[in-house]
Amino acid sequence: QVQLVESGGGLVQAGGSLRLSCEASGRTFSRYAMGWFRQAPGKEREFVARISWSGSSTYYADSVKGRFTISRDNAKTTVYLQMNSLKPEDTAVYYCAARMGPGTSWYREYDYWGQGTQVTVSS
């Protein structure tokens, strides 16, 4: 089993920045692809960013490309999401997820999920 715990969410003004963290425990972390997803009330969960097990490959949703950066520190078993130039439409609960093998952008491909952390961006 893998446990994931997100942190770092909060309330920020438009144009501000936040860094989310996802700490993993349980099984070996380094061989899991990791993804960040978000979900607003009444909306489907949507892909934000993902990173390969080696950290060599990253992929971003068009809506966040150029503003968000995903990274991982396998020694700390932690994945980060640096969010800059935040917009009100970024408001959502953000979840990290883990999947053995290559990453995908479809949330149903992931096996382990954190509890989520709220990000609210005011105008």
N, C-alpha and C. Protein backbone atom coordinates (compact mmCIF):
# COMPACT_ATOMS: atom_id res chain seq x y z
N GLN A 1 0.83 -1.18 0.00
CA GLN A 1 0.00 0.00 0.00
C GLN A 1 0.88 1.25 0.00
N VAL A 2 0.36 2.30 -0.62
CA VAL A 2 1.03 3.59 -0.67
C VAL A 2 0.10 4.63 -0.07
N GLN A 3 0.63 5.44 0.81
CA GLN A 3 -0.13 6.54 1.38
C GLN A 3 0.44 7.86 0.87
N LEU A 4 -0.45 8.77 0.49
CA LEU A 4 -0.07 10.07 -0.04
C LEU A 4 -0.76 11.16 0.76
N VAL A 5 -0.01 12.17 1.16
CA VAL A 5 -0.55 13.27 1.94
C VAL A 5 -0.13 14.59 1.31
N GLU A 6 -1.11 15.37 0.85
CA GLU A 6 -0.84 16.67 0.26
C GLU A 6 -0.83 17.76 1.33
N SER A 7 -0.10 18.83 1.05
CA SER A 7 -0.08 20.00 1.91
C SER A 7 0.32 21.21 1.08
N GLY A 8 0.14 22.39 1.63
CA GLY A 8 0.58 23.61 0.99
C GLY A 8 -0.50 24.45 0.36
N GLY A 9 -1.74 23.98 0.38
CA GLY A 9 -2.83 24.76 -0.18
C GLY A 9 -3.16 25.95 0.70
N GLY A 10 -4.00 26.83 0.17
CA GLY A 10 -4.40 28.01 0.91
C GLY A 10 -5.11 29.01 0.04
N LEU A 11 -5.28 30.22 0.57
CA LEU A 11 -5.94 31.31 -0.13
C LEU A 11 -4.90 32.32 -0.58
N VAL A 12 -4.91 32.62 -1.88
CA VAL A 12 -3.97 33.58 -2.44
C VAL A 12 -4.70 34.51 -3.40
N GLN A 13 -4.11 35.66 -3.66
CA GLN A 13 -4.64 36.58 -4.64
C GLN A 13 -4.21 36.18 -6.04
N ALA A 14 -4.99 36.56 -7.03
CA ALA A 14 -4.61 36.31 -8.41
C ALA A 14 -3.22 36.87 -8.68
N GLY A 15 -2.41 36.09 -9.39
CA GLY A 15 -1.04 36.47 -9.66
C GLY A 15 -0.05 35.96 -8.64
N GLY A 16 -0.53 35.43 -7.54
CA GLY A 16 0.33 34.91 -6.50
C GLY A 16 0.82 33.50 -6.78
N SER A 17 1.55 32.95 -5.81
CA SER A 17 2.16 31.64 -5.97
C SER A 17 1.92 30.76 -4.75
N LEU A 18 1.89 29.47 -4.99
CA LEU A 18 1.84 28.46 -3.94
C LEU A 18 2.70 27.28 -4.37
N ARG A 19 3.22 26.55 -3.40
CA ARG A 19 3.89 25.29 -3.69
C ARG A 19 3.22 24.18 -2.91
N LEU A 20 2.68 23.22 -3.63
CA LEU A 20 2.06 22.06 -3.02
C LEU A 20 3.08 20.94 -2.86
N SER A 21 2.93 20.17 -1.79
CA SER A 21 3.79 19.03 -1.54
C SER A 21 2.94 17.78 -1.37
N CYS A 22 3.48 16.66 -1.78
CA CYS A 22 2.82 15.37 -1.61
C CYS A 22 3.85 14.39 -1.07
N GLU A 23 3.70 14.02 0.18
CA GLU A 23 4.61 13.07 0.81
C GLU A 23 4.06 11.66 0.70
N ALA A 24 4.91 10.73 0.31
CA ALA A 24 4.53 9.34 0.12
C ALA A 24 5.17 8.45 1.17
N SER A 25 4.44 7.42 1.56
CA SER A 25 4.98 6.43 2.47
C SER A 25 4.41 5.06 2.10
N GLY A 26 5.05 4.02 2.59
CA GLY A 26 4.62 2.67 2.29
C GLY A 26 5.62 1.93 1.42
N ARG A 27 5.26 1.71 0.17
CA ARG A 27 6.13 0.99 -0.74
C ARG A 27 7.15 1.92 -1.39
N THR A 28 8.04 1.30 -2.14
CA THR A 28 9.10 2.06 -2.80
C THR A 28 8.51 3.15 -3.68
N PHE A 29 8.96 4.37 -3.46
CA PHE A 29 8.40 5.54 -4.12
C PHE A 29 8.94 5.75 -5.52
N SER A 30 10.21 5.46 -5.73
CA SER A 30 10.89 5.90 -6.94
C SER A 30 10.35 5.29 -8.22
N ARG A 31 9.74 4.12 -8.17
CA ARG A 31 9.25 3.45 -9.38
C ARG A 31 7.82 3.82 -9.74
N TYR A 32 7.24 4.76 -9.02
CA TYR A 32 5.88 5.21 -9.32
C TYR A 32 5.91 6.49 -10.13
N ALA A 33 5.12 6.51 -11.20
CA ALA A 33 4.81 7.77 -11.85
C ALA A 33 3.84 8.54 -10.96
N MET A 34 3.97 9.84 -10.94
CA MET A 34 3.15 10.67 -10.06
C MET A 34 2.41 11.72 -10.87
N GLY A 35 1.20 12.00 -10.45
CA GLY A 35 0.40 13.01 -11.12
C GLY A 35 -0.28 13.94 -10.14
N TRP A 36 -0.59 15.13 -10.62
CA TRP A 36 -1.43 16.08 -9.89
C TRP A 36 -2.72 16.28 -10.67
N PHE A 37 -3.84 16.23 -9.95
CA PHE A 37 -5.16 16.46 -10.51
C PHE A 37 -5.87 17.48 -9.65
N ARG A 38 -6.94 18.06 -10.19
CA ARG A 38 -7.73 19.00 -9.41
C ARG A 38 -9.20 18.81 -9.72
N GLN A 39 -10.03 19.21 -8.76
CA GLN A 39 -11.46 19.06 -8.92
C GLN A 39 -12.18 20.21 -8.23
N ALA A 40 -13.00 20.92 -8.98
CA ALA A 40 -13.85 21.96 -8.45
C ALA A 40 -15.24 21.38 -8.17
N PRO A 41 -16.02 21.99 -7.26
CA PRO A 41 -17.35 21.47 -6.96
C PRO A 41 -18.22 21.32 -8.20
N GLY A 42 -18.83 20.16 -8.36
CA GLY A 42 -19.70 19.90 -9.49
C GLY A 42 -18.99 19.61 -10.80
N LYS A 43 -17.67 19.58 -10.78
CA LYS A 43 -16.89 19.34 -11.99
C LYS A 43 -16.18 18.00 -11.92
N GLU A 44 -15.81 17.47 -13.09
CA GLU A 44 -15.02 16.26 -13.14
C GLU A 44 -13.59 16.54 -12.71
N ARG A 45 -12.95 15.52 -12.19
CA ARG A 45 -11.55 15.63 -11.86
C ARG A 45 -10.74 15.79 -13.15
N GLU A 46 -9.82 16.76 -13.17
CA GLU A 46 -9.07 17.02 -14.37
C GLU A 46 -7.57 16.93 -14.12
N PHE A 47 -6.88 16.54 -15.16
CA PHE A 47 -5.44 16.40 -15.11
C PHE A 47 -4.77 17.76 -15.04
N VAL A 48 -3.69 17.85 -14.25
CA VAL A 48 -2.91 19.07 -14.13
C VAL A 48 -1.48 18.86 -14.63
N ALA A 49 -0.79 17.87 -14.05
CA ALA A 49 0.61 17.63 -14.41
C ALA A 49 0.99 16.22 -13.99
N ARG A 50 2.03 15.67 -14.63
CA ARG A 50 2.54 14.37 -14.23
C ARG A 50 4.04 14.31 -14.46
N ILE A 51 4.67 13.35 -13.80
CA ILE A 51 6.11 13.18 -13.88
C ILE A 51 6.44 11.70 -13.83
N SER A 52 7.44 11.27 -14.61
CA SER A 52 7.82 9.88 -14.68
C SER A 52 8.54 9.45 -13.41
N TRP A 53 8.72 8.15 -13.26
CA TRP A 53 9.39 7.63 -12.06
C TRP A 53 10.82 8.14 -11.93
N SER A 54 11.48 8.36 -13.05
CA SER A 54 12.86 8.84 -13.03
C SER A 54 12.95 10.36 -12.89
N GLY A 55 11.84 11.04 -13.11
CA GLY A 55 11.84 12.49 -13.11
C GLY A 55 12.29 13.11 -14.41
N SER A 56 12.58 12.28 -15.41
CA SER A 56 13.12 12.79 -16.66
C SER A 56 12.06 13.31 -17.61
N SER A 57 10.81 12.92 -17.40
CA SER A 57 9.73 13.33 -18.30
C SER A 57 8.61 14.00 -17.51
N THR A 58 8.13 15.11 -18.01
CA THR A 58 7.00 15.80 -17.41
C THR A 58 6.00 16.17 -18.48
N TYR A 59 4.75 16.36 -18.07
CA TYR A 59 3.69 16.71 -18.99
C TYR A 59 2.68 17.57 -18.25
N TYR A 60 2.14 18.59 -18.94
CA TYR A 60 1.24 19.54 -18.31
C TYR A 60 -0.02 19.73 -19.13
N ALA A 61 -1.11 19.98 -18.44
CA ALA A 61 -2.32 20.41 -19.12
C ALA A 61 -2.09 21.77 -19.75
N ASP A 62 -2.74 22.02 -20.88
CA ASP A 62 -2.57 23.30 -21.56
C ASP A 62 -2.93 24.48 -20.67
N SER A 63 -3.88 24.28 -19.78
CA SER A 63 -4.37 25.37 -18.94
C SER A 63 -3.34 25.86 -17.93
N VAL A 64 -2.33 25.04 -17.62
CA VAL A 64 -1.33 25.41 -16.62
C VAL A 64 0.07 25.49 -17.19
N LYS A 65 0.25 25.14 -18.44
CA LYS A 65 1.57 25.12 -19.06
C LYS A 65 2.22 26.50 -19.00
N GLY A 66 3.46 26.53 -18.56
CA GLY A 66 4.18 27.78 -18.43
C GLY A 66 4.01 28.46 -17.09
N ARG A 67 3.03 28.00 -16.29
CA ARG A 67 2.78 28.59 -14.98
C ARG A 67 3.10 27.62 -13.84
N PHE A 68 2.86 26.34 -14.06
CA PHE A 68 3.07 25.32 -13.03
C PHE A 68 4.29 24.48 -13.37
N THR A 69 4.97 23.98 -12.34
CA THR A 69 6.11 23.11 -12.51
C THR A 69 6.02 21.94 -11.54
N ILE A 70 6.09 20.72 -12.07
CA ILE A 70 6.08 19.53 -11.23
C ILE A 70 7.51 19.03 -11.08
N SER A 71 7.85 18.56 -9.90
CA SER A 71 9.17 18.00 -9.64
C SER A 71 9.05 16.93 -8.57
N ARG A 72 10.10 16.15 -8.40
CA ARG A 72 10.08 15.12 -7.36
C ARG A 72 11.45 14.99 -6.73
N ASP A 73 11.45 14.64 -5.46
CA ASP A 73 12.66 14.39 -4.70
C ASP A 73 12.51 12.99 -4.12
N ASN A 74 13.09 12.02 -4.79
CA ASN A 74 12.91 10.63 -4.37
C ASN A 74 13.54 10.34 -3.01
N ALA A 75 14.60 11.06 -2.66
CA ALA A 75 15.21 10.87 -1.35
C ALA A 75 14.25 11.25 -0.23
N LYS A 76 13.40 12.23 -0.49
CA LYS A 76 12.40 12.66 0.49
C LYS A 76 11.04 12.05 0.23
N THR A 77 10.94 11.22 -0.79
CA THR A 77 9.68 10.60 -1.23
C THR A 77 8.57 11.65 -1.33
N THR A 78 8.89 12.75 -2.01
CA THR A 78 7.97 13.87 -2.09
C THR A 78 7.89 14.39 -3.53
N VAL A 79 6.68 14.73 -3.95
CA VAL A 79 6.44 15.38 -5.23
C VAL A 79 5.93 16.78 -4.96
N TYR A 80 6.36 17.73 -5.78
CA TYR A 80 5.98 19.12 -5.60
C TYR A 80 5.24 19.65 -6.82
N LEU A 81 4.40 20.62 -6.59
CA LEU A 81 3.77 21.37 -7.67
C LEU A 81 3.93 22.85 -7.36
N GLN A 82 4.85 23.50 -8.06
CA GLN A 82 5.03 24.93 -7.93
C GLN A 82 4.04 25.64 -8.84
N MET A 83 3.20 26.48 -8.27
CA MET A 83 2.15 27.16 -9.01
C MET A 83 2.40 28.66 -8.96
N ASN A 84 2.64 29.24 -10.12
CA ASN A 84 2.88 30.67 -10.25
C ASN A 84 1.79 31.31 -11.10
N SER A 85 1.67 32.62 -11.00
CA SER A 85 0.69 33.37 -11.79
C SER A 85 -0.70 32.77 -11.67
N LEU A 86 -1.11 32.50 -10.46
CA LEU A 86 -2.38 31.83 -10.22
C LEU A 86 -3.56 32.68 -10.68
N LYS A 87 -4.58 32.00 -11.18
CA LYS A 87 -5.80 32.62 -11.67
C LYS A 87 -6.99 32.10 -10.88
N PRO A 88 -8.08 32.87 -10.82
CA PRO A 88 -9.27 32.38 -10.11
C PRO A 88 -9.76 31.03 -10.61
N GLU A 89 -9.60 30.74 -11.89
CA GLU A 89 -10.04 29.47 -12.43
C GLU A 89 -9.18 28.29 -11.98
N ASP A 90 -8.07 28.57 -11.29
CA ASP A 90 -7.27 27.51 -10.70
C ASP A 90 -7.85 27.02 -9.38
N THR A 91 -8.87 27.68 -8.86
CA THR A 91 -9.47 27.30 -7.60
C THR A 91 -10.05 25.89 -7.68
N ALA A 92 -9.62 25.02 -6.77
CA ALA A 92 -10.05 23.62 -6.77
C ALA A 92 -9.39 22.91 -5.59
N VAL A 93 -9.83 21.69 -5.35
CA VAL A 93 -9.09 20.79 -4.48
C VAL A 93 -8.06 20.07 -5.33
N TYR A 94 -6.82 20.10 -4.90
CA TYR A 94 -5.73 19.48 -5.65
C TYR A 94 -5.34 18.16 -5.00
N TYR A 95 -5.23 17.13 -5.83
CA TYR A 95 -4.90 15.79 -5.38
C TYR A 95 -3.62 15.31 -6.06
N CYS A 96 -2.78 14.61 -5.32
CA CYS A 96 -1.70 13.88 -5.95
C CYS A 96 -2.08 12.42 -6.05
N ALA A 97 -1.49 11.73 -7.02
CA ALA A 97 -1.81 10.34 -7.28
C ALA A 97 -0.56 9.60 -7.73
N ALA A 98 -0.55 8.29 -7.50
CA ALA A 98 0.59 7.45 -7.84
C ALA A 98 0.15 6.27 -8.69
N ARG A 99 1.03 5.88 -9.62
CA ARG A 99 0.77 4.75 -10.50
C ARG A 99 2.07 4.05 -10.81
N MET A 100 2.08 2.74 -10.68
CA MET A 100 3.26 1.97 -11.04
C MET A 100 3.42 1.98 -12.55
N GLY A 101 4.62 2.26 -13.01
CA GLY A 101 4.90 2.30 -14.43
C GLY A 101 4.74 3.69 -15.00
N PRO A 102 4.48 3.76 -16.31
CA PRO A 102 4.40 5.08 -16.96
C PRO A 102 3.17 5.86 -16.53
N GLY A 103 3.30 7.15 -16.55
CA GLY A 103 2.19 8.00 -16.20
C GLY A 103 1.22 8.18 -17.35
N THR A 104 -0.01 8.53 -17.01
CA THR A 104 -1.03 8.89 -17.98
C THR A 104 -1.75 10.12 -17.47
N SER A 105 -2.63 10.67 -18.32
CA SER A 105 -3.39 11.85 -17.95
C SER A 105 -4.83 11.54 -17.56
N TRP A 106 -5.19 10.27 -17.52
CA TRP A 106 -6.53 9.85 -17.17
C TRP A 106 -6.55 9.43 -15.70
N TYR A 107 -7.39 10.07 -14.91
CA TYR A 107 -7.35 9.85 -13.47
C TYR A 107 -7.65 8.41 -13.08
N ARG A 108 -8.44 7.70 -13.87
CA ARG A 108 -8.82 6.34 -13.51
C ARG A 108 -7.68 5.35 -13.70
N GLU A 109 -6.58 5.78 -14.28
CA GLU A 109 -5.41 4.93 -14.42
C GLU A 109 -4.56 4.89 -13.15
N TYR A 110 -4.83 5.78 -12.21
CA TYR A 110 -4.03 5.88 -10.99
C TYR A 110 -4.65 5.08 -9.86
N ASP A 111 -3.80 4.50 -9.04
CA ASP A 111 -4.23 3.56 -8.00
C ASP A 111 -4.26 4.14 -6.59
N TYR A 112 -3.43 5.13 -6.32
CA TYR A 112 -3.32 5.69 -4.98
C TYR A 112 -3.52 7.19 -5.03
N TRP A 113 -4.28 7.70 -4.05
CA TRP A 113 -4.65 9.11 -4.01
C TRP A 113 -4.48 9.69 -2.62
N GLY A 114 -4.09 10.95 -2.57
CA GLY A 114 -4.08 11.68 -1.32
C GLY A 114 -5.46 12.22 -0.98
N GLN A 115 -5.56 12.89 0.15
CA GLN A 115 -6.85 13.40 0.63
C GLN A 115 -7.22 14.72 -0.01
N GLY A 116 -6.28 15.38 -0.65
CA GLY A 116 -6.54 16.65 -1.30
C GLY A 116 -6.18 17.85 -0.43
N THR A 117 -5.85 18.95 -1.08
CA THR A 117 -5.60 20.21 -0.39
C THR A 117 -6.27 21.33 -1.18
N GLN A 118 -6.96 22.21 -0.47
CA GLN A 118 -7.75 23.26 -1.11
C GLN A 118 -6.87 24.41 -1.56
N VAL A 119 -7.04 24.84 -2.80
CA VAL A 119 -6.41 26.04 -3.33
C VAL A 119 -7.50 27.00 -3.76
N THR A 120 -7.50 28.19 -3.21
CA THR A 120 -8.48 29.21 -3.55
C THR A 120 -7.77 30.46 -4.00
N VAL A 121 -8.11 30.95 -5.19
CA VAL A 121 -7.48 32.13 -5.77
C VAL A 121 -8.53 33.21 -5.91
N SER A 122 -8.33 34.33 -5.25
CA SER A 122 -9.26 35.44 -5.29
C SER A 122 -8.82 36.46 -6.33
N SER A 123 -9.79 37.16 -6.91
CA SER A 123 -9.51 38.17 -7.91
C SER A 123 -9.25 39.52 -7.28
